[in-house]
Protein backbone atom coordinates (compact mmCIF):
# COMPACT_ATOMS: atom_id res chain seq x y z
CA UNK A 1 -4.30 17.79 -0.77
CA UNK A 2 -5.73 20.01 -3.53
CA UNK A 3 -2.71 22.32 -3.25
CA UNK A 4 -0.35 19.33 -3.48
CA UNK A 5 -2.17 17.96 -6.52
CA UNK A 6 -2.05 21.37 -8.19
CA UNK A 7 1.68 21.65 -7.49
CA UNK A 8 2.35 18.17 -8.88
CA UNK A 9 0.36 18.91 -12.04
CA UNK A 10 2.78 21.73 -12.87
CA UNK A 11 5.47 19.20 -13.73
CA UNK A 12 6.06 16.81 -16.60
CA UNK A 13 6.53 13.09 -15.83
CA UNK A 14 7.23 9.77 -17.54
CA UNK A 15 8.13 9.68 -21.21
CA UNK A 16 7.18 13.36 -21.56
CA UNK A 17 9.94 14.20 -19.09
CA UNK A 18 12.45 12.18 -21.11
CA UNK A 19 11.50 14.09 -24.28
CA UNK A 20 11.65 17.41 -22.43
CA UNK A 21 15.20 16.72 -21.24
CA UNK A 22 16.27 15.86 -24.77
CA UNK A 23 14.74 19.16 -25.86
CA UNK A 24 16.75 20.99 -23.20
CA UNK A 25 19.93 19.19 -24.32
CA UNK A 26 19.32 20.33 -27.92
CA UNK A 27 18.77 23.91 -26.73
CA UNK A 28 22.00 23.78 -24.73
CA UNK A 29 23.95 22.67 -27.78
CA UNK A 30 22.41 25.49 -29.81
CA UNK A 31 23.26 27.90 -27.00
CA UNK A 32 26.92 26.84 -27.08
CA UNK A 33 27.01 27.46 -30.82
CA UNK A 34 25.35 30.89 -30.44
CA UNK A 35 27.87 31.94 -27.78
CA UNK A 36 30.75 30.76 -29.92
CA UNK A 37 29.46 32.77 -32.90
CA UNK A 38 28.89 35.84 -30.72
CA UNK A 39 32.50 35.66 -29.50
CA UNK A 40 33.81 35.29 -33.06
CA UNK A 41 31.82 38.28 -34.31
CA UNK A 42 32.91 40.31 -31.32
CA UNK A 43 36.58 39.60 -32.04
CA UNK A 44 36.10 40.45 -35.72
CA UNK A 45 34.20 43.66 -34.91
CA UNK A 46 37.04 44.76 -32.61
CA UNK A 47 39.57 44.17 -35.38
CA UNK A 48 37.45 46.09 -37.92
CA UNK A 49 36.96 48.94 -35.45
CA UNK A 50 40.70 49.17 -34.90
CA UNK A 51 41.21 49.24 -38.67
CA UNK A 52 38.63 51.83 -39.80
CA UNK A 53 37.33 53.37 -36.56
CA UNK A 54 33.75 52.28 -37.23
CA UNK A 55 31.56 50.07 -35.06
CA UNK A 56 30.54 46.77 -36.70
CA UNK A 57 28.19 45.22 -34.16
CA UNK A 58 25.42 43.87 -36.37
CA UNK A 59 26.57 40.23 -36.35
CA UNK A 60 27.56 40.32 -32.69
CA UNK A 61 24.24 41.87 -31.62
CA UNK A 62 22.27 39.26 -33.53
CA UNK A 63 24.04 36.33 -31.88
CA UNK A 64 23.91 37.94 -28.44
CA UNK A 65 20.17 38.32 -28.80
CA UNK A 66 19.99 34.68 -29.84
CA UNK A 67 21.98 33.72 -26.74
CA UNK A 68 19.45 35.52 -24.52
CA UNK A 69 16.50 33.88 -26.28
CA UNK A 70 17.99 30.41 -25.84
CA UNK A 71 18.83 31.00 -22.17
CA UNK A 72 15.25 32.07 -21.50
CA UNK A 73 13.87 29.11 -23.45
CA UNK A 74 16.01 26.67 -21.45
CA UNK A 75 15.00 28.19 -18.13
CA UNK A 76 11.29 28.19 -19.06
CA UNK A 77 11.43 24.59 -20.25
CA UNK A 78 13.17 23.38 -17.10
CA UNK A 79 10.53 24.93 -14.86
CA UNK A 80 8.34 21.88 -15.55
CA UNK A 81 11.14 19.44 -14.67
CA UNK A 82 10.53 18.71 -10.97
CA UNK A 83 14.02 17.33 -10.39
CA UNK A 84 15.62 20.46 -11.84
CA UNK A 85 13.38 22.73 -9.76
CA UNK A 86 14.10 20.70 -6.63
CA UNK A 87 17.86 20.91 -7.20
CA UNK A 88 17.95 24.63 -7.99
CA UNK A 89 15.57 25.56 -5.16
CA UNK A 90 17.71 23.73 -2.59
CA UNK A 91 20.85 25.48 -3.83
CA UNK A 92 19.18 28.88 -3.70
CA UNK A 93 17.82 28.12 -0.26
CA UNK A 94 21.36 27.46 0.97
CA UNK A 95 22.61 30.68 -0.59
CA UNK A 96 19.77 32.67 1.01
CA UNK A 97 20.51 31.15 4.43
CA UNK A 98 24.18 31.99 4.00
CA UNK A 99 23.21 35.60 3.28
CA UNK A 100 20.89 35.70 6.28
CA UNK A 101 17.74 36.11 4.17
CA UNK A 102 15.59 33.55 5.97
CA UNK A 103 12.31 34.69 4.40
CA UNK A 104 13.66 34.00 0.91
CA UNK A 105 15.18 30.74 2.17
CA UNK A 106 11.74 29.66 3.39
CA UNK A 107 10.22 30.45 0.01
CA UNK A 108 12.82 28.36 -1.80
CA UNK A 109 12.32 25.57 0.72
CA UNK A 110 8.58 25.54 0.02
CA UNK A 111 9.22 25.46 -3.71
CA UNK A 112 11.70 22.61 -3.29
CA UNK A 113 9.17 20.58 -1.30
CA UNK A 114 6.49 21.15 -3.96
CA UNK A 115 8.85 19.83 -6.62
CA UNK A 116 9.93 16.91 -4.41
CA UNK A 117 6.30 15.84 -4.00
CA UNK A 118 6.09 15.44 -7.79
CA UNK A 119 9.08 13.07 -7.97
CA UNK A 120 8.03 9.38 -8.00
CA UNK A 121 11.23 8.23 -6.27
CA UNK A 122 10.24 10.28 -3.21
CA UNK A 123 6.74 8.78 -3.02
CA UNK A 124 7.57 5.18 -2.16
CA UNK A 125 7.07 5.36 1.60
CA UNK A 126 5.26 2.41 3.17
CA UNK A 127 4.90 -1.33 2.64
CA UNK A 128 5.90 -3.20 -0.54
CA UNK A 129 6.05 -6.88 -1.45
CA UNK A 130 8.49 -8.59 -3.79
CA UNK A 131 9.59 -12.14 -4.58
CA UNK A 132 13.11 -12.80 -3.27
CA UNK A 133 13.85 -15.77 -5.52
CA UNK A 134 13.66 -19.14 -3.76
CA UNK A 135 12.90 -17.40 -0.46
CA UNK A 136 9.46 -16.51 -1.78
CA UNK A 137 7.50 -13.32 -1.16
CA UNK A 138 8.94 -10.88 1.36
CA UNK A 139 7.61 -7.59 2.67
CA UNK A 140 9.69 -4.44 3.11
CA UNK A 141 9.03 -1.00 4.57
CA UNK A 142 10.37 2.06 2.75
CA UNK A 143 11.22 5.21 4.71
CA UNK A 144 13.31 8.32 4.05
CA UNK A 145 16.04 10.05 5.99
CA UNK A 146 16.37 13.31 4.13
CA UNK A 147 17.02 12.27 0.53
CA UNK A 148 18.18 8.76 1.49
CA UNK A 149 15.67 6.01 0.72
CA UNK A 150 15.89 3.15 3.23
CA UNK A 151 14.24 -0.24 2.68
CA UNK A 152 13.95 -2.50 5.74
CA UNK A 153 12.80 -6.11 5.92
CA UNK A 154 9.38 -6.57 7.58
CA UNK A 155 9.57 -10.29 6.94
CA UNK A 156 12.95 -11.97 6.75
CA UNK A 157 14.93 -14.80 5.19
CA UNK A 158 17.70 -17.05 6.51
CA UNK A 159 20.20 -14.72 4.87
CA UNK A 160 18.93 -11.25 5.81
CA UNK A 161 16.43 -11.43 8.71
CA UNK A 162 13.53 -9.12 9.42
CA UNK A 163 14.41 -5.73 10.86
CA UNK A 164 17.59 -5.48 8.79
CA UNK A 165 18.11 -3.19 5.80
CA UNK A 166 17.73 -4.80 2.39
CA UNK A 167 18.77 -1.82 0.24
CA UNK A 168 19.27 1.94 0.32
CA UNK A 169 19.42 4.64 -2.35
CA UNK A 170 20.85 8.16 -2.17
CA UNK A 171 18.35 10.33 -4.07
CA UNK A 172 19.99 13.68 -3.32
CA UNK A 173 20.17 16.10 -6.31
CA UNK A 174 23.11 15.59 -8.64
CA UNK A 175 25.31 18.39 -9.96
CA UNK A 176 25.36 16.77 -13.38
CA UNK A 177 21.70 17.66 -13.92
CA UNK A 178 22.44 21.36 -13.68
CA UNK A 179 25.63 21.18 -15.68
CA UNK A 180 23.91 19.39 -18.54
CA UNK A 181 26.36 16.50 -18.24
CA UNK A 182 25.71 12.96 -17.16
CA UNK A 183 27.86 13.14 -14.03
CA UNK A 184 26.81 10.19 -11.86
CA UNK A 185 23.21 10.38 -13.08
CA UNK A 186 22.16 7.10 -14.71
CA UNK A 187 20.49 7.33 -18.09
CA UNK A 188 16.98 5.83 -18.30
CA UNK A 189 16.44 2.25 -19.45
CA UNK A 190 14.81 2.17 -22.89
CA UNK A 191 12.24 -0.61 -23.26
CA UNK A 192 11.40 -2.47 -26.43
CA UNK A 193 8.06 -1.78 -28.12
CA UNK A 194 6.31 -4.83 -26.62
CA UNK A 195 7.50 -4.07 -23.06
CA UNK A 196 6.70 -0.38 -23.47
CA UNK A 197 3.14 -1.27 -24.50
CA UNK A 198 2.79 -3.61 -21.53
CA UNK A 199 4.03 -1.09 -18.95
CA UNK A 200 2.68 2.04 -20.57
CA UNK A 201 6.05 3.78 -20.80
CA UNK A 202 9.15 3.64 -22.97
CA UNK A 203 11.77 4.92 -20.53
CA UNK A 204 12.44 3.79 -16.96
CA UNK A 205 14.23 6.17 -14.64
CA UNK A 206 16.86 4.58 -12.39
CA UNK A 207 19.09 5.53 -9.46
CA UNK A 208 22.31 4.07 -8.10
CA UNK A 209 22.09 2.46 -4.66
CA UNK A 210 23.45 -0.27 -2.40
CA UNK A 211 21.90 -3.65 -1.63
CA UNK A 212 22.72 -5.90 1.30
CA UNK A 213 23.69 -9.55 0.83
CA UNK A 214 24.68 -12.16 3.41
CA UNK A 215 25.33 -15.87 3.85
CA UNK A 216 22.79 -18.01 5.68
CA UNK A 217 22.53 -17.02 9.32
CA UNK A 218 23.19 -13.36 8.42
CA UNK A 219 26.92 -14.08 8.18
CA UNK A 220 29.47 -12.13 6.14
CA UNK A 221 26.93 -9.41 5.37
CA UNK A 222 28.08 -6.76 2.92
CA UNK A 223 26.78 -3.96 0.73
CA UNK A 224 27.01 -4.30 -3.04
CA UNK A 225 26.21 -1.96 -5.93
CA UNK A 226 22.59 -1.84 -6.97
CA UNK A 227 19.99 0.15 -8.87
CA UNK A 228 16.49 1.35 -8.06
CA UNK A 229 14.35 1.26 -11.22
CA UNK A 230 11.04 3.10 -11.41
CA UNK A 231 8.23 1.36 -13.36
CA UNK A 232 5.14 3.60 -13.17
CA UNK A 233 3.44 2.76 -9.84
CA UNK A 234 5.89 -0.11 -9.24
CA UNK A 235 9.64 -0.32 -8.81
CA UNK A 236 12.40 -2.90 -8.76
CA UNK A 237 15.80 -3.13 -7.12
CA UNK A 238 18.75 -4.93 -8.70
CA UNK A 239 21.73 -6.34 -6.79
CA UNK A 240 24.18 -5.94 -9.69
CA UNK A 241 27.16 -8.21 -8.78
CA UNK A 242 24.92 -11.24 -8.18
CA UNK A 243 22.50 -10.54 -11.03
CA UNK A 244 19.48 -10.55 -8.69
CA UNK A 245 16.46 -8.30 -9.19
CA UNK A 246 13.26 -8.04 -7.16
CA UNK A 247 10.10 -6.42 -8.51
CA UNK A 248 7.96 -4.68 -5.87
CA UNK A 249 4.26 -3.84 -5.75
CA UNK A 250 1.87 -2.54 -3.11
CA UNK A 251 0.36 -5.39 -1.05
CA UNK A 252 -3.34 -5.76 -0.38
CA UNK A 253 -4.49 -5.79 3.27
CA UNK A 254 -5.14 -9.53 2.92
CA UNK A 255 -1.59 -10.18 1.67
CA UNK A 256 -0.09 -8.07 4.48
CA UNK A 257 -2.03 -10.13 7.03
CA UNK A 258 -0.99 -13.43 5.44
CA UNK A 259 2.70 -12.52 5.32
CA UNK A 260 2.66 -11.30 8.91
CA UNK A 261 0.95 -14.53 10.04
CA UNK A 262 3.52 -16.61 8.16
CA UNK A 263 6.33 -14.64 9.78
CA UNK A 264 4.79 -15.18 13.21
CA UNK A 265 4.56 -18.91 12.54
CA UNK A 266 8.25 -18.96 11.64
CA UNK A 267 9.08 -17.15 14.87
CA UNK A 268 6.97 -19.56 16.93
CA UNK A 269 8.60 -22.51 15.19
CA UNK A 270 12.06 -21.14 15.83
CA UNK A 271 11.23 -20.45 19.46
CA UNK A 272 9.77 -23.96 19.94
CA UNK A 273 12.83 -25.60 18.43
CA UNK A 274 15.12 -23.43 20.54
CA UNK A 275 13.17 -24.24 23.72
CA UNK A 276 13.31 -27.97 22.92
CA UNK A 277 17.08 -27.88 22.39
CA UNK A 278 17.60 -25.95 25.61
CA UNK A 279 15.50 -28.51 27.50
CA UNK A 280 17.53 -31.38 26.00
CA UNK A 281 20.78 -29.71 26.97
CA UNK A 282 19.63 -28.97 30.53
CA UNK A 283 18.47 -32.54 31.09
CA UNK A 284 21.73 -33.88 29.64
CA UNK A 285 23.72 -31.75 32.09
CA UNK A 286 21.58 -32.96 35.01
CA UNK A 287 22.16 -36.60 34.05
CA UNK A 288 25.90 -36.05 33.71
CA UNK A 289 25.96 -34.45 37.15
CA UNK A 290 24.09 -37.43 38.61
CA UNK A 291 26.55 -39.80 36.97
CA UNK A 292 29.52 -37.97 38.48
CA UNK A 293 27.99 -38.17 41.96
CA UNK A 294 27.15 -41.85 41.59
CA UNK A 295 30.58 -42.80 40.21
CA UNK A 296 32.32 -41.10 43.11
CA UNK A 297 30.40 -43.24 45.65
CA UNK A 298 29.95 -46.55 43.85
CA UNK A 299 32.23 -49.08 42.17
CA UNK A 300 30.17 -50.39 39.28
CA UNK A 301 30.55 -53.98 38.20
CA UNK A 302 29.01 -55.56 35.15
CA UNK A 303 25.75 -56.38 36.93
CA UNK A 304 25.33 -52.89 38.32
CA UNK A 305 25.97 -51.42 34.85
CA UNK A 306 23.01 -53.42 33.63
CA UNK A 307 20.77 -52.35 36.49
CA UNK A 308 17.81 -50.08 35.83
CA UNK A 309 19.30 -47.41 38.08
CA UNK A 310 21.96 -46.58 35.46
CA UNK A 311 20.94 -43.97 32.93
CA UNK A 312 19.95 -45.29 29.53
CA UNK A 313 22.71 -44.24 27.06
CA UNK A 314 20.13 -43.98 24.30
CA UNK A 315 18.86 -40.84 26.09
CA UNK A 316 21.72 -38.85 24.59
CA UNK A 317 20.58 -39.78 21.10
CA UNK A 318 16.93 -38.84 21.25
CA UNK A 319 15.54 -38.14 17.83
CA UNK A 320 15.61 -34.42 16.91
CA UNK A 321 17.46 -33.53 20.08
CA UNK A 322 20.42 -31.88 18.39
CA UNK A 323 19.00 -30.99 14.99
């Protein structure tokens, strides 16, 4: 645990990470300019050399040195960005495995796992509770399959029952991070001053995902676009097409117990209702069978129809029998 904490402390998080990435972006822009100037001076020096036979490398050397300084500054700055380190380490691990250098691959794997442990989006495993609108509070369980975050219902609703997936998010490293472009990486949400003061951060990191929706009875289920939004030690998930967002927090042991008891009561209620309906149906079938036997052996007249031996027709309309 001490080693993990030490590894995590190497990296910048929260608003500091946002500022660091803006710093890297500024350095990249300066690097592009330095490379462009170096190329221009190199072309001019070649022309001057062809004209007078002398080397004119002063300008070119200056800008080349500046290019090297900026490249080193960018690399050093990004060493405290856990997502960058995770991405690069995984790529280098794959290259090492391809070259058959399994010792180096193991080293890069270890470094990738250290960086991964510092990423909040990979530390959501376990139980969470959120309010699903009119359905009330529901509990989910978050697990990971590789870099895929999976959220499964522990308690269910009439639309998406327990045991089914509620949302999933692919958290695998994005090429855009290395290229310095946005790619399919979502920019952070910038909060207003009041909200930033309330939550203790100005920028909220977010990730594209898919949320499941369904009609009542788990009919016509489908996956729609969504977003996972990190809010310090909390998170939310938004089902974008329907404008629905659920805010999740860690439940207390007491709340876990209450929600599980409520879910059990729902199950017992459903089972009781189902058993009652089945009993009604079975008895109805038995009565119909008896009627068929009796009608085949007896010619009923008006008096016999009124006799107590004939089944009461009101039986078929018992209250709650077919609700």
